């Protein structure tokens, strides 16, 4: 079973990778309540896409699970799974339980 701690660690590793591409003032904090999407996010739309792809790759490499974060299920949810690190982690955990 993949724990929420392991999922968070995987997301944080993806954030480390994305942060290497960002100027210091735009670096993304590695905390569960960090906003990833919306008005308070430090990511623009391309940055969010890069993060999503990086998280998918990291989940495959580190957790051995292939996931699609941009499928209809994710994009049609009332509350976006990309709002914060926590919502993304919870969404990945829900995919793991399917």
N, C-alpha and C. Protein backbone atom coordinates (compact mmCIF):
# COMPACT_ATOMS: atom_id res chain seq x y z
N UNK A 1 0.83 -1.18 0.00
CA UNK A 1 0.00 0.00 0.00
C UNK A 1 0.88 1.25 0.00
N UNK A 2 0.48 2.23 -0.77
CA UNK A 2 1.22 3.47 -0.85
C UNK A 2 0.64 4.45 0.16
N UNK A 3 1.48 4.92 1.07
CA UNK A 3 1.03 5.81 2.15
C UNK A 3 0.95 7.26 1.67
N UNK A 4 0.18 8.06 2.40
CA UNK A 4 0.08 9.48 2.07
C UNK A 4 1.44 10.16 2.23
N UNK A 5 2.24 9.70 3.18
CA UNK A 5 3.58 10.26 3.36
C UNK A 5 4.44 10.03 2.13
N UNK A 6 4.35 8.83 1.56
CA UNK A 6 5.12 8.50 0.36
C UNK A 6 4.62 9.31 -0.84
N UNK A 7 3.32 9.50 -0.94
CA UNK A 7 2.77 10.32 -2.02
C UNK A 7 3.24 11.76 -1.87
N UNK A 8 3.19 12.30 -0.65
CA UNK A 8 3.67 13.67 -0.42
C UNK A 8 5.15 13.80 -0.77
N UNK A 9 5.94 12.83 -0.38
CA UNK A 9 7.37 12.85 -0.69
C UNK A 9 7.58 12.87 -2.21
N UNK A 10 6.79 12.11 -2.92
CA UNK A 10 6.89 12.07 -4.38
C UNK A 10 6.51 13.42 -4.99
N UNK A 11 5.45 14.03 -4.48
CA UNK A 11 5.06 15.37 -4.96
C UNK A 11 6.14 16.38 -4.63
N UNK A 12 6.71 16.31 -3.43
CA UNK A 12 7.77 17.24 -3.04
C UNK A 12 9.00 17.07 -3.94
N UNK A 13 9.31 15.83 -4.32
CA UNK A 13 10.42 15.59 -5.25
C UNK A 13 10.13 16.23 -6.61
N UNK A 14 8.88 16.16 -7.05
CA UNK A 14 8.50 16.81 -8.30
C UNK A 14 8.63 18.33 -8.16
N UNK A 15 8.24 18.87 -7.00
CA UNK A 15 8.38 20.31 -6.77
C UNK A 15 9.85 20.73 -6.78
N UNK A 16 10.72 19.89 -6.22
CA UNK A 16 12.16 20.19 -6.28
C UNK A 16 12.62 20.32 -7.73
N UNK A 17 12.14 19.42 -8.57
CA UNK A 17 12.51 19.44 -9.98
C UNK A 17 11.99 20.71 -10.67
N UNK A 18 10.74 21.07 -10.39
CA UNK A 18 10.15 22.27 -10.97
C UNK A 18 10.85 23.52 -10.43
N UNK A 19 11.17 23.53 -9.15
CA UNK A 19 11.83 24.69 -8.54
C UNK A 19 13.19 25.00 -9.16
N UNK A 20 13.85 23.98 -9.69
CA UNK A 20 15.13 24.21 -10.36
C UNK A 20 14.98 25.12 -11.58
N UNK A 21 13.78 25.16 -12.15
CA UNK A 21 13.51 25.96 -13.34
C UNK A 21 13.01 27.36 -13.02
N UNK A 22 12.70 27.61 -11.76
CA UNK A 22 12.05 28.87 -11.37
C UNK A 22 13.04 29.83 -10.71
N UNK A 23 12.82 31.14 -10.89
CA UNK A 23 13.62 32.10 -10.14
C UNK A 23 13.30 31.98 -8.64
N UNK A 24 14.23 32.41 -7.81
CA UNK A 24 14.08 32.25 -6.35
C UNK A 24 12.75 32.79 -5.83
N UNK A 25 12.31 33.93 -6.34
CA UNK A 25 11.08 34.54 -5.83
C UNK A 25 9.82 33.76 -6.21
N UNK A 26 9.93 32.82 -7.14
CA UNK A 26 8.77 32.03 -7.57
C UNK A 26 8.83 30.57 -7.12
N UNK A 27 9.83 30.23 -6.32
CA UNK A 27 9.96 28.84 -5.87
C UNK A 27 8.71 28.43 -5.09
N UNK A 28 8.34 27.18 -5.23
CA UNK A 28 7.13 26.65 -4.62
C UNK A 28 7.50 25.96 -3.31
N UNK A 29 6.81 26.36 -2.24
CA UNK A 29 7.07 25.76 -0.93
C UNK A 29 6.60 24.31 -0.89
N UNK A 30 7.35 23.50 -0.18
CA UNK A 30 7.00 22.09 -0.04
C UNK A 30 6.21 21.90 1.26
N UNK A 31 4.94 22.29 1.20
CA UNK A 31 4.02 22.14 2.33
C UNK A 31 2.68 21.66 1.78
N UNK A 32 1.92 20.97 2.62
CA UNK A 32 0.63 20.44 2.17
C UNK A 32 -0.34 21.53 1.76
N UNK A 33 -0.27 22.70 2.39
CA UNK A 33 -1.24 23.75 2.07
C UNK A 33 -0.76 24.71 0.97
N UNK A 34 0.35 24.38 0.33
CA UNK A 34 0.84 25.21 -0.78
C UNK A 34 -0.15 25.19 -1.93
N UNK A 35 -0.53 26.37 -2.38
CA UNK A 35 -1.49 26.50 -3.49
C UNK A 35 -0.77 26.24 -4.80
N UNK A 36 -1.33 25.32 -5.59
CA UNK A 36 -0.74 24.97 -6.88
C UNK A 36 -1.52 25.55 -8.06
N UNK A 37 -2.79 25.87 -7.83
CA UNK A 37 -3.67 26.29 -8.92
C UNK A 37 -4.57 27.41 -8.43
N UNK A 38 -4.72 28.43 -9.26
CA UNK A 38 -5.62 29.52 -8.91
C UNK A 38 -4.87 30.82 -8.70
N UNK A 39 -5.60 31.79 -8.20
CA UNK A 39 -5.09 33.16 -8.08
C UNK A 39 -3.87 33.27 -7.16
N UNK A 40 -3.75 32.40 -6.17
CA UNK A 40 -2.65 32.51 -5.20
C UNK A 40 -1.48 31.58 -5.51
N UNK A 41 -1.53 30.93 -6.65
CA UNK A 41 -0.46 30.02 -7.05
C UNK A 41 0.71 30.79 -7.63
N UNK A 42 1.89 30.27 -7.42
CA UNK A 42 3.08 30.84 -8.05
C UNK A 42 3.31 30.25 -9.43
N UNK A 43 2.50 29.27 -9.80
CA UNK A 43 2.64 28.62 -11.10
C UNK A 43 1.71 29.27 -12.12
N UNK A 44 2.23 29.51 -13.32
CA UNK A 44 1.34 29.89 -14.41
C UNK A 44 0.80 28.60 -15.03
N UNK A 45 0.01 28.71 -16.08
CA UNK A 45 -0.62 27.51 -16.65
C UNK A 45 0.41 26.51 -17.17
N UNK A 46 1.46 27.00 -17.80
CA UNK A 46 2.51 26.10 -18.29
C UNK A 46 3.24 25.44 -17.13
N UNK A 47 3.48 26.19 -16.07
CA UNK A 47 4.12 25.63 -14.88
C UNK A 47 3.28 24.53 -14.25
N UNK A 48 1.96 24.72 -14.23
CA UNK A 48 1.07 23.69 -13.68
C UNK A 48 1.12 22.43 -14.54
N UNK A 49 1.10 22.61 -15.86
CA UNK A 49 1.19 21.45 -16.76
C UNK A 49 2.52 20.72 -16.54
N UNK A 50 3.61 21.46 -16.42
CA UNK A 50 4.91 20.84 -16.15
C UNK A 50 4.89 20.07 -14.84
N UNK A 51 4.28 20.64 -13.82
CA UNK A 51 4.19 19.96 -12.53
C UNK A 51 3.38 18.68 -12.65
N UNK A 52 2.25 18.74 -13.32
CA UNK A 52 1.40 17.55 -13.47
C UNK A 52 2.16 16.43 -14.17
N UNK A 53 2.84 16.76 -15.25
CA UNK A 53 3.61 15.74 -15.99
C UNK A 53 4.74 15.20 -15.12
N UNK A 54 5.40 16.07 -14.39
CA UNK A 54 6.50 15.65 -13.52
C UNK A 54 5.98 14.75 -12.40
N UNK A 55 4.85 15.08 -11.81
CA UNK A 55 4.26 14.24 -10.76
C UNK A 55 3.90 12.87 -11.34
N UNK A 56 3.28 12.84 -12.51
CA UNK A 56 2.93 11.55 -13.13
C UNK A 56 4.18 10.70 -13.33
N UNK A 57 5.26 11.31 -13.83
CA UNK A 57 6.50 10.57 -14.05
C UNK A 57 7.11 10.10 -12.74
N UNK A 58 7.08 10.95 -11.72
CA UNK A 58 7.64 10.59 -10.42
C UNK A 58 6.84 9.47 -9.76
N UNK A 59 5.53 9.52 -9.87
CA UNK A 59 4.69 8.44 -9.31
C UNK A 59 5.05 7.12 -9.99
N UNK A 60 5.23 7.15 -11.30
CA UNK A 60 5.62 5.94 -12.03
C UNK A 60 6.99 5.45 -11.56
N UNK A 61 7.96 6.35 -11.50
CA UNK A 61 9.34 5.97 -11.16
C UNK A 61 9.50 5.58 -9.69
N UNK A 62 8.88 6.34 -8.79
CA UNK A 62 9.11 6.14 -7.36
C UNK A 62 8.11 5.20 -6.70
N UNK A 63 6.90 5.15 -7.23
CA UNK A 63 5.85 4.34 -6.60
C UNK A 63 5.43 3.15 -7.45
N UNK A 64 5.93 3.10 -8.68
CA UNK A 64 5.62 1.98 -9.56
C UNK A 64 4.18 1.92 -10.00
N UNK A 65 3.54 3.07 -10.06
CA UNK A 65 2.11 3.13 -10.42
C UNK A 65 1.94 4.12 -11.55
N UNK A 66 1.27 3.70 -12.61
CA UNK A 66 0.99 4.59 -13.73
C UNK A 66 -0.34 5.30 -13.48
N UNK A 67 -0.32 6.64 -13.50
CA UNK A 67 -1.55 7.41 -13.28
C UNK A 67 -1.70 8.45 -14.37
N UNK A 68 -2.93 8.88 -14.59
CA UNK A 68 -3.23 9.95 -15.53
C UNK A 68 -3.97 11.03 -14.75
N UNK A 69 -3.29 12.12 -14.47
CA UNK A 69 -3.88 13.20 -13.68
C UNK A 69 -4.74 14.14 -14.51
N UNK A 70 -4.76 13.96 -15.81
CA UNK A 70 -5.54 14.87 -16.67
C UNK A 70 -6.68 14.15 -17.37
N UNK A 71 -7.13 13.05 -16.80
CA UNK A 71 -8.25 12.36 -17.41
C UNK A 71 -9.56 13.08 -17.10
N UNK A 72 -10.63 12.62 -17.70
CA UNK A 72 -11.93 13.27 -17.53
C UNK A 72 -12.36 13.31 -16.07
N UNK A 73 -12.05 12.25 -15.34
CA UNK A 73 -12.44 12.19 -13.92
C UNK A 73 -11.82 13.35 -13.13
N UNK A 74 -10.54 13.61 -13.36
CA UNK A 74 -9.85 14.68 -12.63
C UNK A 74 -10.36 16.05 -13.06
N UNK A 75 -10.55 16.23 -14.35
CA UNK A 75 -10.91 17.55 -14.87
C UNK A 75 -12.38 17.90 -14.68
N UNK A 76 -13.22 16.90 -14.42
CA UNK A 76 -14.65 17.17 -14.26
C UNK A 76 -15.08 17.28 -12.79
N UNK A 77 -14.14 17.17 -11.88
CA UNK A 77 -14.48 17.25 -10.46
C UNK A 77 -14.92 18.66 -10.09
N UNK A 78 -15.84 18.74 -9.15
CA UNK A 78 -16.32 20.04 -8.68
C UNK A 78 -15.17 20.84 -8.07
N UNK A 79 -14.36 20.18 -7.27
CA UNK A 79 -13.18 20.81 -6.67
C UNK A 79 -11.93 20.22 -7.32
N UNK A 80 -11.14 21.07 -7.92
CA UNK A 80 -9.95 20.63 -8.64
C UNK A 80 -8.99 19.88 -7.72
N UNK A 81 -8.44 18.75 -8.19
CA UNK A 81 -7.44 18.06 -7.40
C UNK A 81 -6.09 18.78 -7.40
N UNK A 82 -5.99 19.86 -8.17
CA UNK A 82 -4.72 20.57 -8.29
C UNK A 82 -4.64 21.83 -7.44
N UNK A 83 -5.62 22.06 -6.56
CA UNK A 83 -5.64 23.29 -5.77
C UNK A 83 -4.43 23.44 -4.86
N UNK A 84 -4.13 22.39 -4.12
CA UNK A 84 -3.00 22.42 -3.18
C UNK A 84 -2.25 21.10 -3.25
N UNK A 85 -1.11 21.05 -2.59
CA UNK A 85 -0.37 19.79 -2.50
C UNK A 85 -1.25 18.73 -1.84
N UNK A 86 -1.99 19.10 -0.80
CA UNK A 86 -2.86 18.15 -0.08
C UNK A 86 -3.95 17.59 -0.98
N UNK A 87 -4.63 18.45 -1.75
CA UNK A 87 -5.70 17.95 -2.62
C UNK A 87 -5.13 17.05 -3.71
N UNK A 88 -3.94 17.37 -4.20
CA UNK A 88 -3.30 16.52 -5.20
C UNK A 88 -2.91 15.18 -4.59
N UNK A 89 -2.35 15.21 -3.40
CA UNK A 89 -1.98 13.99 -2.70
C UNK A 89 -3.20 13.11 -2.43
N UNK A 90 -4.27 13.72 -1.96
CA UNK A 90 -5.51 12.97 -1.70
C UNK A 90 -6.06 12.35 -2.98
N UNK A 91 -5.99 13.09 -4.08
CA UNK A 91 -6.49 12.57 -5.35
C UNK A 91 -5.65 11.38 -5.82
N UNK A 92 -4.33 11.49 -5.70
CA UNK A 92 -3.47 10.37 -6.09
C UNK A 92 -3.76 9.16 -5.21
N UNK A 93 -3.98 9.38 -3.92
CA UNK A 93 -4.32 8.27 -3.01
C UNK A 93 -5.63 7.62 -3.43
N UNK A 94 -6.60 8.42 -3.87
CA UNK A 94 -7.88 7.85 -4.30
C UNK A 94 -7.70 7.01 -5.56
N UNK A 95 -6.80 7.42 -6.45
CA UNK A 95 -6.52 6.62 -7.64
C UNK A 95 -5.86 5.31 -7.26
N UNK A 96 -5.02 5.36 -6.25
CA UNK A 96 -4.33 4.17 -5.78
C UNK A 96 -5.29 3.16 -5.18
N UNK A 97 -6.41 3.64 -4.64
CA UNK A 97 -7.38 2.75 -4.01
C UNK A 97 -8.39 2.17 -4.99
N UNK A 98 -8.31 2.56 -6.25
CA UNK A 98 -9.27 2.04 -7.24
C UNK A 98 -8.87 0.67 -7.71
